[in-house]
Amino acid sequence: MYLYNEFDQTLVNERVEQFRDQTKRFLNGDLTEEQFRPLRLMNGLYIQTHAPMLRINIPYGLLSSKQLRMLAHVSHKYDKDYGHFTTRQNIQFNWPELKRVPDILADLASVQMHSIQSSGNCIRNTTADPLAGVCADEIEDPRPYCEIIRQWSTLHPEFSYLPRKFKIAVSGSPKDRAATQVHDIGLHLKKDADGNIGFEVLVGGGLGRTPVIGQTINNFIAEKDLLSYLEAILRVYNRFGRRDNKYKARIKILVRETGLDTFKEQVEAEWASIRDSQLTLTDDNIQRVKRYFTPLNYETANDEALEQHLANSGAFRQWFQQNTKAHKQSGYRIAFVSLKSPKRPPGDVTKQQMELIADLADQYSFGQIRTTHDQNLALTDVKSCDLYALWQQLAEHDLATANIGTITDMICCPGLDFCSLANASSIDIAQGITDRFTDSAIDAGNISLKMSGCMNGCGHHSIGEIGILGVDKKGEQWYQLTLGGSDSHQSKLGDRLGKAIAKDGVVDAIDDIVQVYKANRIDDENFASTLQRIGLQPFKDKVYDAH
């Protein structure tokens, strides 16, 4: 993984001290709330319902065990002994005291972490496939390119005050596991006819109030042109993006109103002026970063012990089938750590659990942990013969719920419990669904359920196979359901099922939807295929006839 050099560390240390001084001046009354707001946002600090919320960057979802232990330390010393992993592969702390935030940032800087640009109208944390570097279908490891983008975009002087926040995701496989089509810019690594590495570039995707699937603006740009092409897109957006209405300020609105062809002409004209510049990536530039991501020192391993444990333990067998995936290296597996226990809100993990996962990463997975945009964690380099021992320790600490990809492995925003923008609660609805399906989630098949407490769409409801959106009706909480969304390589927005449903009817409605699917699926047909074949009407009839 990438390690800071002296310039990285100096930059982060200096930013900590700058924010310490800014916070002190605000608390002393020398800065107004209006003056302090952009300063705190540039350092990842929001003001939520109960307390400040601090968001910490985890670049492209890669953590060392040392960094995870520091997050556990922060949760204990400055918060309430837990953290919340987000859909951007980051972590949030919901209860820090404002006066102690600079101390948190100083502690984080000691392990090469920060919260710079995790909020505000800037280029946010670049995300990637959580299986980068270990999946068998990979064309090229996207992490070095994510790191190159991170270095280019951090405190970029021209893009510090964009019309709105800006998100980039990179996928290195034909199967998109980074939801690239719903990002401001999505990058797909590919090879041309001569085997040269490059990128398909998508632009104008996004969720929130106006969900849009991104469109391809360039089928192939060369590896060396990555930064200059990104810079050209950002320049056009920075120049023409709306600043008079924040709901119409995202690049997706600019692309829609300008038209993709005209927008591309603007980008190509801008690109022509900067293509042959210091932004051009040389082979030395690329190889310098790639050296941080060389293959790990895998050992020859056999699966004899694994086969014996699979035969002897049904619980382990179920976890293995649901929570592990094939690894490109023979004798190894990818193990997902489920943060969707029935005992906690989705994405939450305690101090003790973070410390345990760090220990397990050291013992079984080269000291590295991945975060996923599904709000789980992954140990991606586990010997097959070690899986049983790993599972036992995870199970002992409530981290082995065998539900990855099922309806209880839902994405869920904090909703009204924490967020000052929310219209409705999410966590209690998630708990109700989990309670209903705890014993039948696997039988229901793999269904992606995503839930947001408001139109901002932090829970990605628009692209869930089942989407739940909390809405306010005259002070009461209601929920709009959508079906058929997807965040795969062929991303799709869900279709509205019908009128909103009262809070006390949501769990029953989800149960009805699952029952219609189970009654109509053919053999192992997935939810999306069944829905496409029978249409919305049978689901609509069941839900609204029953409620």
Protein backbone atom coordinates (compact mmCIF):
# COMPACT_ATOMS: atom_id res chain seq x y z
CA MET A 1 0.00 0.00 0.00
CA TYR A 2 1.06 3.59 -0.50
CA LEU A 3 3.23 5.11 2.23
CA TYR A 4 3.67 8.84 2.79
CA ASN A 5 6.87 10.55 1.79
CA GLU A 6 8.21 13.59 3.65
CA PHE A 7 6.09 15.97 1.55
CA ASP A 8 2.86 14.07 2.26
CA GLN A 9 3.55 14.03 5.98
CA THR A 10 4.53 17.69 6.11
CA LEU A 11 1.36 18.71 4.28
CA VAL A 12 -0.89 16.76 6.65
CA ASN A 13 0.93 17.94 9.78
CA GLU A 14 0.71 21.57 8.68
CA ARG A 15 -3.00 21.23 7.92
CA VAL A 16 -3.59 19.90 11.47
CA GLU A 17 -1.94 22.95 13.01
CA GLN A 18 -3.81 25.32 10.71
CA PHE A 19 -7.12 23.82 11.74
CA ARG A 20 -6.11 23.84 15.41
CA ASP A 21 -5.60 27.60 15.18
CA GLN A 22 -8.84 28.09 13.23
CA THR A 23 -10.83 26.08 15.78
CA LYS A 24 -9.30 27.99 18.68
CA ARG A 25 -10.21 31.32 17.06
CA PHE A 26 -13.78 30.16 16.44
CA LEU A 27 -14.25 28.96 20.02
CA ASN A 28 -12.82 32.28 21.27
CA GLY A 29 -15.32 34.21 19.16
CA ASP A 30 -12.77 35.59 16.71
CA LEU A 31 -14.37 33.76 13.78
CA THR A 32 -18.09 33.73 13.06
CA GLU A 33 -20.01 30.56 12.21
CA GLU A 34 -20.18 31.75 8.61
CA GLN A 35 -16.40 32.22 8.51
CA PHE A 36 -15.68 28.92 10.25
CA ARG A 37 -18.07 26.76 8.20
CA PRO A 38 -15.91 26.42 5.04
CA LEU A 39 -12.83 25.84 7.20
CA ARG A 40 -14.38 22.95 9.11
CA LEU A 41 -15.86 21.45 5.95
CA MET A 42 -12.43 21.42 4.30
CA ASN A 43 -11.35 19.28 7.26
CA GLY A 44 -14.22 16.82 7.16
CA LEU A 45 -16.29 18.26 10.00
CA TYR A 46 -20.09 18.52 9.78
CA ILE A 47 -22.60 19.70 12.35
CA GLN A 48 -25.26 17.02 12.75
CA THR A 49 -28.34 16.66 14.93
CA HIS A 50 -26.60 15.85 18.22
CA ALA A 51 -22.93 16.73 17.78
CA PRO A 52 -20.24 17.36 15.18
CA MET A 53 -19.58 14.49 12.79
CA LEU A 54 -16.04 13.87 11.56
CA ARG A 55 -15.45 11.96 8.31
CA ILE A 56 -12.05 10.35 7.81
CA ASN A 57 -10.68 9.52 4.36
CA ILE A 58 -9.70 5.97 3.52
CA PRO A 59 -8.20 6.34 0.03
CA TYR A 60 -9.62 3.71 -2.33
CA GLY A 61 -10.71 1.74 0.74
CA LEU A 62 -7.29 0.43 1.81
CA LEU A 63 -6.31 0.37 5.50
CA SER A 64 -3.32 -1.00 7.37
CA SER A 65 -3.82 -2.78 10.68
CA LYS A 66 -1.97 0.11 12.36
CA GLN A 67 -4.42 2.59 10.91
CA LEU A 68 -7.43 0.54 11.98
CA ARG A 69 -6.07 0.39 15.53
CA MET A 70 -5.78 4.17 15.45
CA LEU A 71 -9.42 4.43 14.39
CA ALA A 72 -10.31 2.20 17.35
CA HIS A 73 -8.26 4.51 19.60
CA VAL A 74 -10.07 7.59 18.25
CA SER A 75 -13.45 5.96 18.81
CA HIS A 76 -12.56 5.26 22.44
CA LYS A 77 -10.71 8.44 23.40
CA TYR A 78 -12.83 10.99 21.54
CA ASP A 79 -16.14 9.32 20.67
CA LYS A 80 -18.46 6.58 21.98
CA ASP A 81 -16.42 3.45 21.25
CA TYR A 82 -17.61 2.87 17.70
CA GLY A 83 -17.30 4.17 14.15
CA HIS A 84 -19.53 4.06 11.08
CA PHE A 85 -18.23 2.95 7.68
CA THR A 86 -19.77 4.77 4.72
CA THR A 87 -20.61 4.08 1.08
CA ARG A 88 -17.51 6.04 0.02
CA GLN A 89 -15.25 3.56 1.83
CA ASN A 90 -14.62 6.15 4.58
CA ILE A 91 -15.36 6.12 8.31
CA GLN A 92 -17.36 8.63 10.35
CA PHE A 93 -17.38 9.47 14.04
CA ASN A 94 -20.67 10.89 15.27
CA TRP A 95 -19.88 12.30 18.72
CA PRO A 96 -16.55 14.21 18.85
CA GLU A 97 -16.28 17.47 20.77
CA LEU A 98 -15.34 20.35 18.49
CA LYS A 99 -12.47 21.49 20.70
CA ARG A 100 -10.89 18.01 20.51
CA VAL A 101 -11.12 17.55 16.74
CA PRO A 102 -7.62 19.00 16.12
CA ASP A 103 -6.25 16.40 18.56
CA ILE A 104 -8.04 13.66 16.61
CA LEU A 105 -6.50 14.93 13.38
CA ALA A 106 -3.05 14.98 14.99
CA ASP A 107 -3.44 11.37 16.12
CA LEU A 108 -4.59 10.37 12.64
CA ALA A 109 -1.65 12.16 11.01
CA SER A 110 0.70 9.96 13.03
CA VAL A 111 -0.52 6.95 11.01
CA GLN A 112 -0.77 8.72 7.63
CA MET A 113 -4.49 9.47 7.75
CA HIS A 114 -6.47 12.69 7.45
CA SER A 115 -9.90 14.17 6.74
CA ILE A 116 -8.83 16.73 4.14
CA GLN A 117 -11.43 17.06 1.37
CA SER A 118 -13.80 14.53 2.87
CA SER A 119 -16.46 17.25 2.66
CA GLY A 120 -17.01 20.58 0.93
CA ASN A 121 -17.18 21.49 -2.75
CA CYS A 122 -14.01 19.74 -3.79
CA ILE A 123 -12.79 16.42 -5.22
CA ARG A 124 -13.69 13.85 -2.57
CA ASN A 125 -12.08 10.52 -1.70
CA THR A 126 -11.46 8.51 -4.88
CA THR A 127 -13.02 5.06 -4.56
CA ALA A 128 -12.23 1.73 -6.21
CA ASP A 129 -13.16 -1.91 -6.43
CA PRO A 130 -12.61 -3.36 -2.92
CA LEU A 131 -11.23 -6.49 -4.61
CA ALA A 132 -8.59 -4.55 -6.54
CA GLY A 133 -5.43 -6.55 -7.03
CA VAL A 134 -6.91 -9.89 -5.95
CA CYS A 135 -9.85 -10.63 -8.25
CA ALA A 136 -9.28 -13.07 -11.08
CA ASP A 137 -11.15 -11.03 -13.72
CA GLU A 138 -9.03 -7.91 -13.31
CA ILE A 139 -7.59 -6.20 -16.38
CA GLU A 140 -5.26 -4.06 -14.27
CA ASP A 141 -5.02 -3.09 -10.61
CA PRO A 142 -6.78 0.30 -10.32
CA ARG A 143 -5.20 1.31 -7.00
CA PRO A 144 -2.04 2.91 -8.42
CA TYR A 145 -4.20 5.13 -10.63
CA CYS A 146 -6.40 6.01 -7.66
CA GLU A 147 -3.27 7.05 -5.80
CA ILE A 148 -2.11 9.15 -8.75
CA ILE A 149 -5.52 10.85 -8.78
CA ARG A 150 -5.36 11.37 -5.01
CA GLN A 151 -2.00 13.11 -5.23
CA TRP A 152 -3.15 15.29 -8.13
CA SER A 153 -6.46 16.27 -6.54
CA THR A 154 -5.39 16.91 -2.93
CA LEU A 155 -5.56 20.68 -2.32
CA HIS A 156 -5.58 21.30 -6.08
CA PRO A 157 -5.71 25.12 -6.14
CA GLU A 158 -8.08 25.36 -9.11
CA PHE A 159 -10.57 22.84 -7.75
CA SER A 160 -10.80 23.75 -4.06
CA TYR A 161 -14.09 25.62 -4.56
CA LEU A 162 -16.02 23.78 -7.23
CA PRO A 163 -19.71 24.46 -7.87
CA ARG A 164 -20.44 21.31 -5.85
CA LYS A 165 -18.78 18.21 -4.44
CA PHE A 166 -17.10 15.92 -6.98
CA LYS A 167 -16.64 12.15 -6.85
CA ILE A 168 -14.45 9.83 -8.92
CA ALA A 169 -14.48 6.01 -8.95
CA VAL A 170 -12.17 3.58 -10.76
CA SER A 171 -12.81 -0.02 -11.80
CA GLY A 172 -10.18 -2.40 -13.13
CA SER A 173 -12.49 -5.31 -14.01
CA PRO A 174 -15.24 -6.02 -16.54
CA LYS A 175 -17.57 -6.47 -13.54
CA ASP A 176 -18.03 -3.05 -11.98
CA ARG A 177 -17.78 -3.31 -8.20
CA ALA A 178 -17.14 0.42 -7.69
CA ALA A 179 -20.49 1.83 -8.87
CA THR A 180 -18.60 3.95 -11.40
CA GLN A 181 -21.71 4.83 -13.42
CA VAL A 182 -23.21 6.87 -10.60
CA HIS A 183 -20.16 9.06 -10.06
CA ASP A 184 -19.30 12.47 -11.46
CA ILE A 185 -16.48 10.69 -13.29
CA GLY A 186 -16.22 6.94 -13.67
CA LEU A 187 -13.08 5.30 -15.04
CA HIS A 188 -12.96 1.78 -16.51
CA LEU A 189 -9.50 0.38 -17.11
CA LYS A 190 -9.26 -1.38 -20.45
CA LYS A 191 -6.78 -2.40 -23.14
CA ASP A 192 -6.72 -1.30 -26.77
CA ALA A 193 -6.15 -3.62 -29.73
CA ASP A 194 -2.40 -3.49 -29.15
CA GLY A 195 -2.67 -4.35 -25.46
CA ASN A 196 -1.98 -0.82 -24.20
CA ILE A 197 -3.61 0.21 -20.92
CA GLY A 198 -6.08 3.09 -20.98
CA PHE A 199 -9.43 4.24 -19.68
CA GLU A 200 -13.01 4.49 -20.78
CA VAL A 201 -14.26 7.74 -19.22
CA LEU A 202 -17.83 8.21 -18.04
CA VAL A 203 -19.16 11.56 -16.92
CA GLY A 204 -22.27 13.02 -15.36
CA GLY A 205 -23.41 10.23 -13.10
CA GLY A 206 -24.73 10.78 -9.60
CA LEU A 207 -27.48 10.00 -7.12
CA GLY A 208 -29.31 12.36 -4.74
CA ARG A 209 -32.34 14.40 -5.75
CA THR A 210 -31.75 13.87 -9.46
CA PRO A 211 -30.26 10.39 -9.95
CA VAL A 212 -28.49 10.00 -13.29
CA ILE A 213 -26.51 7.19 -14.90
CA GLY A 214 -23.19 8.45 -16.29
CA GLN A 215 -22.47 8.48 -20.02
CA THR A 216 -19.29 7.60 -21.89
CA ILE A 217 -17.51 10.77 -22.98
CA ASN A 218 -14.41 8.99 -24.29
CA ASN A 219 -14.10 5.29 -25.13
CA PHE A 220 -10.33 5.21 -24.64
CA ILE A 221 -7.77 7.66 -23.34
CA ALA A 222 -4.17 6.56 -23.01
CA GLU A 223 -2.66 5.91 -19.62
CA LYS A 224 -0.36 8.92 -19.96
CA ASP A 225 -3.31 11.24 -20.58
CA LEU A 226 -5.29 10.35 -17.45
CA LEU A 227 -4.63 13.51 -15.43
CA SER A 228 -4.80 15.94 -18.33
CA TYR A 229 -8.19 14.56 -19.38
CA LEU A 230 -9.54 14.69 -15.84
CA GLU A 231 -8.23 18.23 -15.52
CA ALA A 232 -9.98 19.23 -18.73
CA ILE A 233 -13.32 17.87 -17.46
CA LEU A 234 -12.92 19.66 -14.12
CA ARG A 235 -12.00 22.94 -15.80
CA VAL A 236 -15.13 22.86 -17.96
CA TYR A 237 -17.27 22.00 -14.96
CA ASN A 238 -15.65 24.68 -12.80
CA ARG A 239 -16.24 27.28 -15.51
CA PHE A 240 -19.81 26.43 -16.53
CA GLY A 241 -21.30 24.59 -13.53
CA ARG A 242 -24.12 26.48 -11.83
CA ARG A 243 -23.44 28.24 -8.54
CA ASP A 244 -26.83 29.89 -8.11
CA ASN A 245 -28.66 26.72 -7.02
CA LYS A 246 -26.90 23.93 -5.14
CA TYR A 247 -29.50 21.40 -6.29
CA LYS A 248 -28.56 22.11 -9.90
CA ALA A 249 -24.83 22.51 -9.37
CA ARG A 250 -23.59 18.95 -9.92
CA ILE A 251 -21.87 18.07 -13.17
CA LYS A 252 -24.73 15.70 -14.04
CA ILE A 253 -27.01 18.74 -14.44
CA LEU A 254 -24.44 20.58 -16.55
CA VAL A 255 -24.02 17.58 -18.86
CA ARG A 256 -27.77 17.13 -19.18
CA GLU A 257 -28.46 20.82 -19.91
CA THR A 258 -25.46 21.24 -22.22
CA GLY A 259 -25.84 17.90 -23.99
CA LEU A 260 -23.14 15.25 -24.00
CA ASP A 261 -21.87 16.09 -27.49
CA THR A 262 -21.45 19.80 -26.75
CA PHE A 263 -19.95 19.05 -23.35
CA LYS A 264 -17.45 16.69 -24.97
CA GLU A 265 -16.49 19.37 -27.50
CA GLN A 266 -15.78 21.76 -24.63
CA VAL A 267 -13.70 19.15 -22.82
CA GLU A 268 -11.75 18.20 -25.96
CA ALA A 269 -10.97 21.86 -26.66
CA GLU A 270 -9.73 22.36 -23.13
CA TRP A 271 -7.78 19.11 -23.27
CA ALA A 272 -6.01 20.17 -26.46
CA SER A 273 -4.54 23.14 -24.60
CA ILE A 274 -3.11 21.09 -21.73
CA ARG A 275 -2.62 17.59 -23.13
CA ASP A 276 1.12 17.99 -23.70
CA SER A 277 2.04 19.53 -20.37
CA GLN A 278 3.42 18.63 -16.97
CA LEU A 279 0.18 16.70 -16.43
CA THR A 280 1.35 14.01 -18.88
CA LEU A 281 2.17 10.84 -16.98
CA THR A 282 5.53 9.34 -17.89
CA ASP A 283 6.26 5.67 -17.45
CA ASP A 284 8.51 6.62 -14.51
CA ASN A 285 5.59 8.49 -12.87
CA ILE A 286 3.35 5.45 -13.18
CA GLN A 287 5.93 2.85 -12.17
CA ARG A 288 6.92 4.89 -9.10
CA VAL A 289 3.40 4.55 -7.73
CA LYS A 290 2.90 0.99 -8.94
CA ARG A 291 5.88 -0.12 -6.87
CA TYR A 292 3.80 0.51 -3.75
CA PHE A 293 1.28 -2.09 -4.95
CA THR A 294 3.47 -5.01 -5.92
CA PRO A 295 2.04 -8.53 -5.42
CA LEU A 296 2.19 -9.83 -1.88
CA ASN A 297 4.45 -12.68 -0.86
CA TYR A 298 1.95 -15.49 -1.35
CA GLU A 299 2.87 -18.99 -0.21
CA THR A 300 1.97 -22.35 -1.65
CA ALA A 301 -1.09 -23.55 0.23
CA ASN A 302 -3.47 -26.46 0.02
CA ASP A 303 -7.17 -26.80 0.77
CA GLU A 304 -7.23 -30.12 2.58
CA ALA A 305 -8.00 -28.59 5.99
CA LEU A 306 -10.65 -26.38 4.43
CA GLU A 307 -12.46 -29.31 2.83
CA GLN A 308 -12.53 -31.16 6.14
CA HIS A 309 -14.01 -28.17 8.01
CA LEU A 310 -16.59 -27.60 5.27
CA ALA A 311 -17.73 -31.18 5.61
CA ASN A 312 -17.93 -31.05 9.42
CA SER A 313 -19.52 -27.66 10.14
CA GLY A 314 -22.74 -26.43 8.59
CA ALA A 315 -22.41 -22.95 10.10
CA PHE A 316 -18.90 -22.55 8.74
CA ARG A 317 -19.99 -23.91 5.36
CA GLN A 318 -22.79 -21.34 5.16
CA TRP A 319 -20.39 -18.50 6.04
CA PHE A 320 -17.83 -19.78 3.51
CA GLN A 321 -20.41 -19.91 0.72
CA GLN A 322 -21.89 -16.48 1.47
CA ASN A 323 -18.98 -14.42 2.83
CA THR A 324 -15.94 -15.55 0.86
CA LYS A 325 -14.97 -15.24 -2.80
CA ALA A 326 -12.39 -16.74 -5.10
CA HIS A 327 -8.90 -15.22 -5.13
CA LYS A 328 -6.67 -14.99 -8.19
CA GLN A 329 -3.97 -16.81 -6.20
CA SER A 330 -4.50 -20.54 -5.76
CA GLY A 331 -4.84 -21.54 -2.11
CA TYR A 332 -6.21 -18.14 -0.98
CA ARG A 333 -9.72 -16.67 -0.52
CA ILE A 334 -11.24 -13.23 -0.02
CA ALA A 335 -13.13 -13.09 3.30
CA PHE A 336 -15.77 -10.42 3.95
CA VAL A 337 -16.30 -9.19 7.49
CA SER A 338 -20.00 -8.47 7.80
CA LEU A 339 -20.89 -5.23 9.57
CA LYS A 340 -24.58 -6.12 9.27
CA SER A 341 -25.14 -7.97 12.52
CA PRO A 342 -28.71 -7.97 13.88
CA LYS A 343 -27.28 -6.32 16.98
CA ARG A 344 -25.97 -3.10 15.37
CA PRO A 345 -26.93 -0.51 12.74
CA PRO A 346 -25.50 -1.31 9.29
CA GLY A 347 -21.90 -0.17 8.90
CA ASP A 348 -21.23 0.30 12.62
CA VAL A 349 -18.22 -1.38 14.24
CA THR A 350 -17.07 -1.15 17.85
CA LYS A 351 -13.64 -0.30 19.23
CA GLN A 352 -13.11 -3.88 20.35
CA GLN A 353 -14.11 -5.22 16.95
CA MET A 354 -11.75 -2.85 15.14
CA GLU A 355 -8.89 -3.99 17.34
CA LEU A 356 -9.76 -7.63 16.70
CA ILE A 357 -9.98 -7.13 12.93
CA ALA A 358 -6.59 -5.41 12.97
CA ASP A 359 -5.13 -8.40 14.83
CA LEU A 360 -6.75 -10.83 12.39
CA ALA A 361 -5.40 -8.83 9.44
CA ASP A 362 -1.88 -9.16 10.87
CA GLN A 363 -2.36 -12.85 11.48
CA TYR A 364 -4.09 -13.86 8.28
CA SER A 365 -4.07 -11.11 5.61
CA PHE A 366 -0.70 -9.34 5.41
CA GLY A 367 -1.82 -6.59 7.80
CA GLN A 368 -4.27 -5.05 5.34
CA ILE A 369 -8.03 -4.40 5.45
CA ARG A 370 -10.36 -3.17 2.73
CA THR A 371 -13.53 -1.14 3.17
CA THR A 372 -16.39 -1.63 0.71
CA HIS A 373 -19.08 0.74 -0.57
CA ASP A 374 -21.57 -1.78 0.85
CA GLN A 375 -20.41 -0.75 4.35
CA ASN A 376 -18.52 -3.95 5.11
CA LEU A 377 -14.85 -4.83 5.53
CA ALA A 378 -12.77 -7.44 3.73
CA LEU A 379 -9.63 -9.42 4.46
CA THR A 380 -8.61 -10.10 0.91
CA ASP A 381 -5.59 -12.40 1.20
CA VAL A 382 -6.46 -15.27 3.52
CA LYS A 383 -5.05 -18.76 3.06
CA SER A 384 -7.87 -21.22 2.50
CA CYS A 385 -6.52 -23.42 5.27
CA ASP A 386 -6.83 -20.48 7.71
CA LEU A 387 -10.46 -19.65 6.96
CA TYR A 388 -11.92 -21.86 9.68
CA ALA A 389 -9.75 -20.31 12.40
CA LEU A 390 -10.58 -16.85 11.07
CA TRP A 391 -14.30 -17.62 11.05
CA GLN A 392 -14.20 -18.86 14.63
CA GLN A 393 -12.72 -15.61 15.88
CA LEU A 394 -15.05 -13.47 13.80
CA ALA A 395 -18.05 -15.44 15.04
CA GLU A 396 -16.96 -15.02 18.64
CA HIS A 397 -17.08 -11.24 18.19
CA ASP A 398 -20.32 -11.00 16.17
CA LEU A 399 -18.55 -10.34 12.86
CA ALA A 400 -19.47 -13.51 10.98
CA THR A 401 -23.11 -12.97 10.04
CA ALA A 402 -23.44 -15.08 6.87
CA ASN A 403 -25.37 -12.52 4.87
CA ILE A 404 -23.08 -10.83 2.32
CA GLY A 405 -25.19 -9.95 -0.72
CA THR A 406 -28.49 -10.85 0.92
CA ILE A 407 -31.40 -8.63 1.88
CA THR A 408 -30.01 -8.10 5.40
CA ASP A 409 -26.68 -6.91 3.97
CA MET A 410 -28.36 -3.61 3.25
CA ILE A 411 -26.87 -0.18 2.71
CA CYS A 412 -28.39 2.25 5.18
CA CYS A 413 -27.70 5.91 5.92
CA PRO A 414 -27.94 7.18 9.55
CA GLY A 415 -31.27 8.92 8.83
CA LEU A 416 -33.01 11.00 11.49
CA ASP A 417 -31.06 9.34 14.29
CA PHE A 418 -28.06 11.52 13.42
CA CYS A 419 -28.46 13.50 10.21
CA SER A 420 -29.90 17.02 10.31
CA LEU A 421 -30.93 16.73 6.64
CA ALA A 422 -32.98 13.54 6.96
CA ASN A 423 -36.75 13.40 6.54
CA ALA A 424 -37.22 9.96 8.08
CA SER A 425 -35.43 7.39 10.17
CA SER A 426 -33.50 4.54 8.60
CA ILE A 427 -31.86 2.58 11.38
CA ASP A 428 -35.07 1.31 12.98
CA ILE A 429 -36.47 0.30 9.58
CA ALA A 430 -33.23 -1.57 8.89
CA GLN A 431 -33.53 -3.29 12.25
CA GLY A 432 -37.09 -4.35 11.48
CA ILE A 433 -36.08 -5.83 8.12
CA THR A 434 -33.13 -7.61 9.69
CA ASP A 435 -35.33 -9.07 12.43
CA ARG A 436 -37.85 -10.27 9.83
CA PHE A 437 -35.27 -11.94 7.58
CA THR A 438 -32.52 -13.06 9.97
CA ASP A 439 -33.44 -16.72 9.58
CA SER A 440 -34.45 -16.58 5.92
CA ALA A 441 -32.10 -14.12 4.20
CA ILE A 442 -30.15 -16.78 2.31
CA ASP A 443 -33.34 -18.58 1.27
CA ALA A 444 -34.62 -15.28 -0.14
CA GLY A 445 -31.64 -15.15 -2.46
CA ASN A 446 -29.15 -12.37 -3.10
CA ILE A 447 -31.11 -9.11 -3.15
CA SER A 448 -29.53 -5.68 -2.84
CA LEU A 449 -31.57 -3.44 -0.55
CA LYS A 450 -30.51 0.18 -0.17
CA MET A 451 -32.15 2.78 2.05
CA SER A 452 -31.89 6.56 2.41
CA GLY A 453 -33.54 8.86 4.93
CA CYS A 454 -33.88 11.72 2.44
CA MET A 455 -33.53 12.70 -1.21
CA ASN A 456 -29.77 13.26 -0.86
CA GLY A 457 -29.48 9.52 -1.40
CA CYS A 458 -26.52 8.70 0.85
CA GLY A 459 -27.90 5.15 1.10
CA HIS A 460 -27.93 4.71 -2.72
CA HIS A 461 -31.63 3.82 -2.72
CA SER A 462 -32.00 4.76 -6.41
CA ILE A 463 -29.80 1.84 -7.51
CA GLY A 464 -31.01 -0.82 -5.10
CA GLU A 465 -32.87 -3.84 -6.42
CA ILE A 466 -35.15 -2.78 -3.61
CA GLY A 467 -34.83 0.91 -2.78
CA ILE A 468 -36.36 2.64 0.25
CA LEU A 469 -36.53 6.44 0.46
CA GLY A 470 -37.75 8.22 3.57
CA VAL A 471 -40.05 11.19 2.89
CA ASP A 472 -41.86 13.67 5.09
CA LYS A 473 -45.63 14.08 4.83
CA LYS A 474 -46.89 16.84 7.07
CA GLY A 475 -44.49 15.89 9.84
CA GLU A 476 -45.02 12.13 9.49
CA GLN A 477 -42.50 9.59 8.21
CA TRP A 478 -43.43 7.78 5.00
CA TYR A 479 -41.36 5.63 2.65
CA GLN A 480 -41.21 5.45 -1.13
CA LEU A 481 -40.26 2.04 -2.61
CA THR A 482 -38.48 1.41 -5.91
CA LEU A 483 -37.60 -1.88 -7.59
CA GLY A 484 -35.08 -2.94 -10.21
CA GLY A 485 -32.12 -0.64 -9.60
CA SER A 486 -28.56 -1.82 -10.16
CA ASP A 487 -25.03 -0.57 -9.47
CA SER A 488 -23.35 -3.13 -11.71
CA HIS A 489 -21.61 -2.55 -15.05
CA GLN A 490 -25.06 -1.97 -16.51
CA SER A 491 -26.29 0.39 -13.81
CA LYS A 492 -29.99 1.17 -13.70
CA LEU A 493 -32.27 3.39 -11.66
CA GLY A 494 -35.11 1.66 -9.87
CA ASP A 495 -38.74 2.16 -10.88
CA ARG A 496 -41.22 3.54 -8.38
CA LEU A 497 -43.53 0.84 -7.11
CA GLY A 498 -46.43 3.09 -6.17
CA LYS A 499 -47.55 5.53 -3.50
CA ALA A 500 -45.51 6.01 -0.32
CA ILE A 501 -46.06 3.61 2.57
CA ALA A 502 -46.52 4.53 6.22
CA LYS A 503 -43.66 3.66 8.52
CA ASP A 504 -45.41 0.81 10.28
CA GLY A 505 -46.07 -0.91 6.95
CA VAL A 506 -42.58 -0.86 5.45
CA VAL A 507 -41.26 -4.16 6.80
CA ASP A 508 -44.42 -6.00 5.75
CA ALA A 509 -44.16 -4.44 2.28
CA ILE A 510 -40.57 -5.68 1.91
CA ASP A 511 -41.73 -9.12 3.04
CA ASP A 512 -44.48 -9.04 0.39
CA ILE A 513 -41.95 -8.16 -2.32
CA VAL A 514 -39.71 -11.05 -1.31
CA GLN A 515 -42.64 -13.46 -1.24
CA VAL A 516 -43.68 -12.48 -4.79
CA TYR A 517 -40.10 -13.04 -5.95
CA LYS A 518 -39.85 -16.45 -4.28
CA ALA A 519 -43.20 -17.53 -5.70
CA ASN A 520 -42.27 -16.56 -9.26
CA ARG A 521 -38.56 -17.23 -9.60
CA ILE A 522 -37.48 -20.14 -11.78
CA ASP A 523 -34.84 -22.34 -10.18
CA ASP A 524 -31.97 -20.06 -9.05
CA GLU A 525 -33.15 -17.05 -11.02
CA ASN A 526 -32.02 -13.81 -9.43
CA PHE A 527 -34.33 -11.00 -8.34
CA ALA A 528 -33.51 -8.74 -11.29
CA SER A 529 -34.29 -11.46 -13.83
CA THR A 530 -37.56 -12.36 -12.16
CA LEU A 531 -38.61 -8.70 -12.01
CA GLN A 532 -37.73 -8.18 -15.67
CA ARG A 533 -39.72 -11.26 -16.67
CA ILE A 534 -42.92 -10.65 -14.67
CA GLY A 535 -42.84 -6.86 -14.39
CA LEU A 536 -43.80 -4.54 -11.52
CA GLN A 537 -47.48 -5.32 -11.41
CA PRO A 538 -47.43 -8.55 -9.35
CA PHE A 539 -45.29 -6.80 -6.71
CA LYS A 540 -47.54 -3.76 -6.76
CA ASP A 541 -50.68 -5.87 -6.41
CA LYS A 542 -49.28 -7.76 -3.43
CA VAL A 543 -47.98 -4.71 -1.58
CA TYR A 544 -50.95 -2.41 -2.06
CA ASP A 545 -53.69 -5.03 -1.80
CA ALA A 546 -52.20 -6.06 1.54
CA HIS A 547 -51.76 -2.50 2.83
